[in-house]
Amino acid sequence: MIKCHLSKLMGEKKLKIVDVARETGVNRGTITRLYHETASRVELDSIEALCRYLNCEVGELFEYVEDR
């Protein structure tokens, strides 16, 4: 399974979903689904915008975790 660390990264920087959406241009619904780890697919443009905004690598935003 792919784990998304957006909520952790946003929490460390004290960011709100609405602020990230406004600053990145990524749809608020997309950010909400990533934040709550309910997204089933994400556009590469969205991942790029989030990494640029959060100043992180893709591997810091997403992690592969084996299903148990």
PDB file of N, CA and C in Angstrom:
ATOM      1  N   MET A   1       0.843  -1.176   0.000  1.00  0.00           N
ATOM      2  CA  MET A   1       0.000   0.000   0.000  1.00  0.00           C
ATOM      3  C   MET A   1       0.893   1.244   0.000  1.00  0.00           C
ATOM      4  N   ILE A   2       0.383   2.301  -0.553  1.00  0.00           N
ATOM      5  CA  ILE A   2       1.104   3.574  -0.577  1.00  0.00           C
ATOM      6  C   ILE A   2       0.576   4.442   0.565  1.00  0.00           C
ATOM      7  N   LYS A   3       1.461   4.885   1.421  1.00  0.00           N
ATOM      8  CA  LYS A   3       1.100   5.746   2.553  1.00  0.00           C
ATOM      9  C   LYS A   3       1.458   7.183   2.188  1.00  0.00           C
ATOM     10  N   CYS A   4       0.551   8.097   2.466  1.00  0.00           N
ATOM     11  CA  CYS A   4       0.775   9.517   2.178  1.00  0.00           C
ATOM     12  C   CYS A   4       1.054  10.251   3.486  1.00  0.00           C
ATOM     13  N   HIS A   5       2.131  11.010   3.504  1.00  0.00           N
ATOM     14  CA  HIS A   5       2.540  11.738   4.700  1.00  0.00           C
ATOM     15  C   HIS A   5       2.181  13.230   4.636  1.00  0.00           C
ATOM     16  N   LEU A   6       1.201  13.578   3.811  1.00  0.00           N
ATOM     17  CA  LEU A   6       0.828  14.983   3.675  1.00  0.00           C
ATOM     18  C   LEU A   6       0.366  15.576   4.998  1.00  0.00           C
ATOM     19  N   SER A   7      -0.443  14.854   5.753  1.00  0.00           N
ATOM     20  CA  SER A   7      -0.941  15.405   7.023  1.00  0.00           C
ATOM     21  C   SER A   7       0.213  15.681   7.984  1.00  0.00           C
ATOM     22  N   LYS A   8       1.191  14.799   8.020  1.00  0.00           N
ATOM     23  CA  LYS A   8       2.356  14.990   8.893  1.00  0.00           C
ATOM     24  C   LYS A   8       3.163  16.215   8.448  1.00  0.00           C
ATOM     25  N   LEU A   9       3.428  16.316   7.140  1.00  0.00           N
ATOM     26  CA  LEU A   9       4.205  17.443   6.617  1.00  0.00           C
ATOM     27  C   LEU A   9       3.481  18.767   6.851  1.00  0.00           C
ATOM     28  N   MET A  10       2.166  18.763   6.641  1.00  0.00           N
ATOM     29  CA  MET A  10       1.393  19.980   6.870  1.00  0.00           C
ATOM     30  C   MET A  10       1.369  20.337   8.346  1.00  0.00           C
ATOM     31  N   GLY A  11       1.242  19.338   9.204  1.00  0.00           N
ATOM     32  CA  GLY A  11       1.218  19.569  10.646  1.00  0.00           C
ATOM     33  C   GLY A  11       2.519  20.176  11.146  1.00  0.00           C
ATOM     34  N   GLU A  12       3.639  19.689  10.630  1.00  0.00           N
ATOM     35  CA  GLU A  12       4.948  20.219  11.025  1.00  0.00           C
ATOM     36  C   GLU A  12       5.082  21.693  10.677  1.00  0.00           C
ATOM     37  N   LYS A  13       4.439  22.090   9.560  1.00  0.00           N
ATOM     38  CA  LYS A  13       4.532  23.479   9.107  1.00  0.00           C
ATOM     39  C   LYS A  13       3.303  24.296   9.497  1.00  0.00           C
ATOM     40  N   LYS A  14       2.377  23.655  10.250  1.00  0.00           N
ATOM     41  CA  LYS A  14       1.143  24.307  10.697  1.00  0.00           C
ATOM     42  C   LYS A  14       0.345  24.903   9.529  1.00  0.00           C
ATOM     43  N   LEU A  15       0.153  24.088   8.493  1.00  0.00           N
ATOM     44  CA  LEU A  15      -0.564  24.520   7.302  1.00  0.00           C
ATOM     45  C   LEU A  15      -1.982  23.959   7.307  1.00  0.00           C
ATOM     46  N   LYS A  16      -2.904  24.704   6.719  1.00  0.00           N
ATOM     47  CA  LYS A  16      -4.288  24.276   6.580  1.00  0.00           C
ATOM     48  C   LYS A  16      -4.528  23.848   5.138  1.00  0.00           C
ATOM     49  N   ILE A  17      -5.479  22.938   4.958  1.00  0.00           N
ATOM     50  CA  ILE A  17      -5.792  22.429   3.625  1.00  0.00           C
ATOM     51  C   ILE A  17      -6.130  23.563   2.672  1.00  0.00           C
ATOM     52  N   VAL A  18      -6.944  24.494   3.114  1.00  0.00           N
ATOM     53  CA  VAL A  18      -7.361  25.598   2.244  1.00  0.00           C
ATOM     54  C   VAL A  18      -6.158  26.453   1.815  1.00  0.00           C
ATOM     55  N   ASP A  19      -5.204  26.646   2.706  1.00  0.00           N
ATOM     56  CA  ASP A  19      -4.019  27.436   2.378  1.00  0.00           C
ATOM     57  C   ASP A  19      -3.143  26.720   1.352  1.00  0.00           C
ATOM     58  N   VAL A  20      -2.970  25.413   1.535  1.00  0.00           N
ATOM     59  CA  VAL A  20      -2.161  24.629   0.588  1.00  0.00           C
ATOM     60  C   VAL A  20      -2.829  24.636  -0.786  1.00  0.00           C
ATOM     61  N   ALA A  21      -4.145  24.489  -0.813  1.00  0.00           N
ATOM     62  CA  ALA A  21      -4.880  24.514  -2.086  1.00  0.00           C
ATOM     63  C   ALA A  21      -4.697  25.854  -2.785  1.00  0.00           C
ATOM     64  N   ARG A  22      -4.836  26.933  -2.037  1.00  0.00           N
ATOM     65  CA  ARG A  22      -4.717  28.267  -2.620  1.00  0.00           C
ATOM     66  C   ARG A  22      -3.299  28.503  -3.161  1.00  0.00           C
ATOM     67  N   GLU A  23      -2.301  28.119  -2.404  1.00  0.00           N
ATOM     68  CA  GLU A  23      -0.910  28.396  -2.778  1.00  0.00           C
ATOM     69  C   GLU A  23      -0.388  27.499  -3.896  1.00  0.00           C
ATOM     70  N   THR A  24      -0.904  26.264  -3.990  1.00  0.00           N
ATOM     71  CA  THR A  24      -0.389  25.328  -4.992  1.00  0.00           C
ATOM     72  C   THR A  24      -1.234  25.273  -6.254  1.00  0.00           C
ATOM     73  N   GLY A  25      -2.499  25.663  -6.146  1.00  0.00           N
ATOM     74  CA  GLY A  25      -3.404  25.525  -7.285  1.00  0.00           C
ATOM     75  C   GLY A  25      -3.966  24.116  -7.410  1.00  0.00           C
ATOM     76  N   VAL A  26      -3.626  23.243  -6.470  1.00  0.00           N
ATOM     77  CA  VAL A  26      -4.160  21.881  -6.460  1.00  0.00           C
ATOM     78  C   VAL A  26      -5.573  21.930  -5.876  1.00  0.00           C
ATOM     79  N   ASN A  27      -6.478  21.194  -6.486  1.00  0.00           N
ATOM     80  CA  ASN A  27      -7.865  21.158  -6.046  1.00  0.00           C
ATOM     81  C   ASN A  27      -7.956  20.807  -4.566  1.00  0.00           C
ATOM     82  N   ARG A  28      -8.813  21.525  -3.860  1.00  0.00           N
ATOM     83  CA  ARG A  28      -8.965  21.306  -2.410  1.00  0.00           C
ATOM     84  C   ARG A  28      -9.394  19.875  -2.094  1.00  0.00           C
ATOM     85  N   GLY A  29     -10.256  19.315  -2.936  1.00  0.00           N
ATOM     86  CA  GLY A  29     -10.702  17.934  -2.748  1.00  0.00           C
ATOM     87  C   GLY A  29      -9.558  16.940  -2.851  1.00  0.00           C
ATOM     88  N   THR A  30      -8.647  17.187  -3.774  1.00  0.00           N
ATOM     89  CA  THR A  30      -7.482  16.321  -3.934  1.00  0.00           C
ATOM     90  C   THR A  30      -6.616  16.371  -2.688  1.00  0.00           C
ATOM     91  N   ILE A  31      -6.377  17.565  -2.182  1.00  0.00           N
ATOM     92  CA  ILE A  31      -5.551  17.710  -0.980  1.00  0.00           C
ATOM     93  C   ILE A  31      -6.239  17.052   0.215  1.00  0.00           C
ATOM     94  N   THR A  32      -7.548  17.212   0.321  1.00  0.00           N
ATOM     95  CA  THR A  32      -8.299  16.590   1.416  1.00  0.00           C
ATOM     96  C   THR A  32      -8.181  15.073   1.356  1.00  0.00           C
ATOM     97  N   ARG A  33      -8.327  14.492   0.159  1.00  0.00           N
ATOM     98  CA  ARG A  33      -8.216  13.036   0.021  1.00  0.00           C
ATOM     99  C   ARG A  33      -6.805  12.552   0.338  1.00  0.00           C
ATOM    100  N   LEU A  34      -5.796  13.294  -0.063  1.00  0.00           N
ATOM    101  CA  LEU A  34      -4.418  12.922   0.275  1.00  0.00           C
ATOM    102  C   LEU A  34      -4.184  13.052   1.781  1.00  0.00           C
ATOM    103  N   TYR A  35      -4.681  14.116   2.359  1.00  0.00           N
ATOM    104  CA  TYR A  35      -4.521  14.381   3.792  1.00  0.00           C
ATOM    105  C   TYR A  35      -5.112  13.241   4.621  1.00  0.00           C
ATOM    106  N   HIS A  36      -6.287  12.758   4.212  1.00  0.00           N
ATOM    107  CA  HIS A  36      -6.984  11.696   4.942  1.00  0.00           C
ATOM    108  C   HIS A  36      -6.653  10.298   4.408  1.00  0.00           C
ATOM    109  N   GLU A  37      -5.748  10.234   3.441  1.00  0.00           N
ATOM    110  CA  GLU A  37      -5.292   8.979   2.830  1.00  0.00           C
ATOM    111  C   GLU A  37      -6.430   8.161   2.234  1.00  0.00           C
ATOM    112  N   THR A  38      -7.330   8.842   1.542  1.00  0.00           N
ATOM    113  CA  THR A  38      -8.425   8.162   0.862  1.00  0.00           C
ATOM    114  C   THR A  38      -8.314   8.285  -0.659  1.00  0.00           C
ATOM    115  N   ALA A  39      -7.266   8.942  -1.151  1.00  0.00           N
ATOM    116  CA  ALA A  39      -7.085   9.120  -2.593  1.00  0.00           C
ATOM    117  C   ALA A  39      -6.704   7.792  -3.239  1.00  0.00           C
ATOM    118  N   SER A  40      -7.276   7.528  -4.408  1.00  0.00           N
ATOM    119  CA  SER A  40      -6.927   6.320  -5.139  1.00  0.00           C
ATOM    120  C   SER A  40      -6.001   6.620  -6.316  1.00  0.00           C
ATOM    121  N   ARG A  41      -5.962   7.873  -6.732  1.00  0.00           N
ATOM    122  CA  ARG A  41      -5.041   8.288  -7.796  1.00  0.00           C
ATOM    123  C   ARG A  41      -4.770   9.782  -7.668  1.00  0.00           C
ATOM    124  N   VAL A  42      -3.587  10.171  -8.130  1.00  0.00           N
ATOM    125  CA  VAL A  42      -3.178  11.570  -8.041  1.00  0.00           C
ATOM    126  C   VAL A  42      -2.412  11.924  -9.312  1.00  0.00           C
ATOM    127  N   GLU A  43      -2.693  13.072  -9.870  1.00  0.00           N
ATOM    128  CA  GLU A  43      -1.974  13.544 -11.049  1.00  0.00           C
ATOM    129  C   GLU A  43      -0.539  13.911 -10.679  1.00  0.00           C
ATOM    130  N   LEU A  44       0.384  13.638 -11.579  1.00  0.00           N
ATOM    131  CA  LEU A  44       1.787  13.971 -11.335  1.00  0.00           C
ATOM    132  C   LEU A  44       1.983  15.476 -11.148  1.00  0.00           C
ATOM    133  N   ASP A  45       1.179  16.281 -11.841  1.00  0.00           N
ATOM    134  CA  ASP A  45       1.270  17.738 -11.680  1.00  0.00           C
ATOM    135  C   ASP A  45       0.949  18.143 -10.236  1.00  0.00           C
ATOM    136  N   SER A  46      -0.004  17.457  -9.628  1.00  0.00           N
ATOM    137  CA  SER A  46      -0.375  17.750  -8.237  1.00  0.00           C
ATOM    138  C   SER A  46       0.753  17.364  -7.285  1.00  0.00           C
ATOM    139  N   ILE A  47       1.353  16.205  -7.524  1.00  0.00           N
ATOM    140  CA  ILE A  47       2.470  15.762  -6.687  1.00  0.00           C
ATOM    141  C   ILE A  47       3.632  16.743  -6.809  1.00  0.00           C
ATOM    142  N   GLU A  48       3.909  17.163  -8.021  1.00  0.00           N
ATOM    143  CA  GLU A  48       4.994  18.123  -8.247  1.00  0.00           C
ATOM    144  C   GLU A  48       4.730  19.441  -7.518  1.00  0.00           C
ATOM    145  N   ALA A  49       3.506  19.941  -7.617  1.00  0.00           N
ATOM    146  CA  ALA A  49       3.157  21.207  -6.961  1.00  0.00           C
ATOM    147  C   ALA A  49       3.276  21.093  -5.443  1.00  0.00           C
ATOM    148  N   LEU A  50       2.837  19.977  -4.886  1.00  0.00           N
ATOM    149  CA  LEU A  50       2.925  19.786  -3.435  1.00  0.00           C
ATOM    150  C   LEU A  50       4.378  19.673  -2.979  1.00  0.00           C
ATOM    151  N   CYS A  51       5.185  18.922  -3.715  1.00  0.00           N
ATOM    152  CA  CYS A  51       6.604  18.798  -3.357  1.00  0.00           C
ATOM    153  C   CYS A  51       7.318  20.145  -3.444  1.00  0.00           C
ATOM    154  N   ARG A  52       7.010  20.904  -4.465  1.00  0.00           N
ATOM    155  CA  ARG A  52       7.622  22.229  -4.611  1.00  0.00           C
ATOM    156  C   ARG A  52       7.216  23.133  -3.446  1.00  0.00           C
ATOM    157  N   TYR A  53       5.926  23.143  -3.128  1.00  0.00           N
ATOM    158  CA  TYR A  53       5.414  24.005  -2.065  1.00  0.00           C
ATOM    159  C   TYR A  53       5.941  23.600  -0.692  1.00  0.00           C
ATOM    160  N   LEU A  54       5.983  22.293  -0.424  1.00  0.00           N
ATOM    161  CA  LEU A  54       6.419  21.793   0.881  1.00  0.00           C
ATOM    162  C   LEU A  54       7.937  21.631   0.969  1.00  0.00           C
ATOM    163  N   ASN A  55       8.616  21.868  -0.159  1.00  0.00           N
ATOM    164  CA  ASN A  55      10.073  21.736  -0.221  1.00  0.00           C
ATOM    165  C   ASN A  55      10.499  20.338   0.239  1.00  0.00           C
ATOM    166  N   CYS A  56       9.912  19.326  -0.409  1.00  0.00           N
ATOM    167  CA  CYS A  56      10.214  17.946  -0.040  1.00  0.00           C
ATOM    168  C   CYS A  56      10.384  17.095  -1.299  1.00  0.00           C
ATOM    169  N   GLU A  57      10.893  15.903  -1.120  1.00  0.00           N
ATOM    170  CA  GLU A  57      11.025  14.932  -2.197  1.00  0.00           C
ATOM    171  C   GLU A  57       9.768  14.062  -2.240  1.00  0.00           C
ATOM    172  N   VAL A  58       9.544  13.421  -3.364  1.00  0.00           N
ATOM    173  CA  VAL A  58       8.384  12.537  -3.506  1.00  0.00           C
ATOM    174  C   VAL A  58       8.416  11.449  -2.426  1.00  0.00           C
ATOM    175  N   GLY A  59       9.602  10.938  -2.112  1.00  0.00           N
ATOM    176  CA  GLY A  59       9.753   9.900  -1.104  1.00  0.00           C
ATOM    177  C   GLY A  59       9.426  10.360   0.309  1.00  0.00           C
ATOM    178  N   GLU A  60       9.433  11.652   0.539  1.00  0.00           N
ATOM    179  CA  GLU A  60       9.029  12.180   1.842  1.00  0.00           C
ATOM    180  C   GLU A  60       7.508  12.320   1.919  1.00  0.00           C
ATOM    181  N   LEU A  61       6.880  12.474   0.761  1.00  0.00           N
ATOM    182  CA  LEU A  61       5.429  12.637   0.685  1.00  0.00           C
ATOM    183  C   LEU A  61       4.717  11.289   0.634  1.00  0.00           C
ATOM    184  N   PHE A  62       5.304  10.335  -0.100  1.00  0.00           N
ATOM    185  CA  PHE A  62       4.711   9.006  -0.249  1.00  0.00           C
ATOM    186  C   PHE A  62       5.698   7.931   0.181  1.00  0.00           C
ATOM    187  N   GLU A  63       5.145   6.834   0.711  1.00  0.00           N
ATOM    188  CA  GLU A  63       5.980   5.719   1.150  1.00  0.00           C
ATOM    189  C   GLU A  63       5.257   4.421   0.815  1.00  0.00           C
ATOM    190  N   TYR A  64       6.001   3.445   0.318  1.00  0.00           N
ATOM    191  CA  TYR A  64       5.440   2.116   0.061  1.00  0.00           C
ATOM    192  C   TYR A  64       5.555   1.293   1.326  1.00  0.00           C
ATOM    193  N   VAL A  65       4.431   0.742   1.782  1.00  0.00           N
ATOM    194  CA  VAL A  65       4.405  -0.106   2.973  1.00  0.00           C
ATOM    195  C   VAL A  65       3.754  -1.429   2.562  1.00  0.00           C
ATOM    196  N   GLU A  66       4.417  -2.537   2.851  1.00  0.00           N
ATOM    197  CA  GLU A  66       3.863  -3.843   2.503  1.00  0.00           C
ATOM    198  C   GLU A  66       2.598  -4.116   3.289  1.00  0.00           C
ATOM    199  N   ASP A  67       1.601  -4.698   2.599  1.00  0.00           N
ATOM    200  CA  ASP A  67       0.372  -5.120   3.284  1.00  0.00           C
ATOM    201  C   ASP A  67       0.698  -6.318   4.156  1.00  0.00           C
ATOM    202  N   ARG A  68       0.047  -6.378   5.281  1.00  0.00           N
ATOM    203  CA  ARG A  68       0.327  -7.510   6.193  1.00  0.00           C
ATOM    204  C   ARG A  68      -0.791  -8.507   6.169  1.00  0.00           C
TER     205      ARG A  68
END
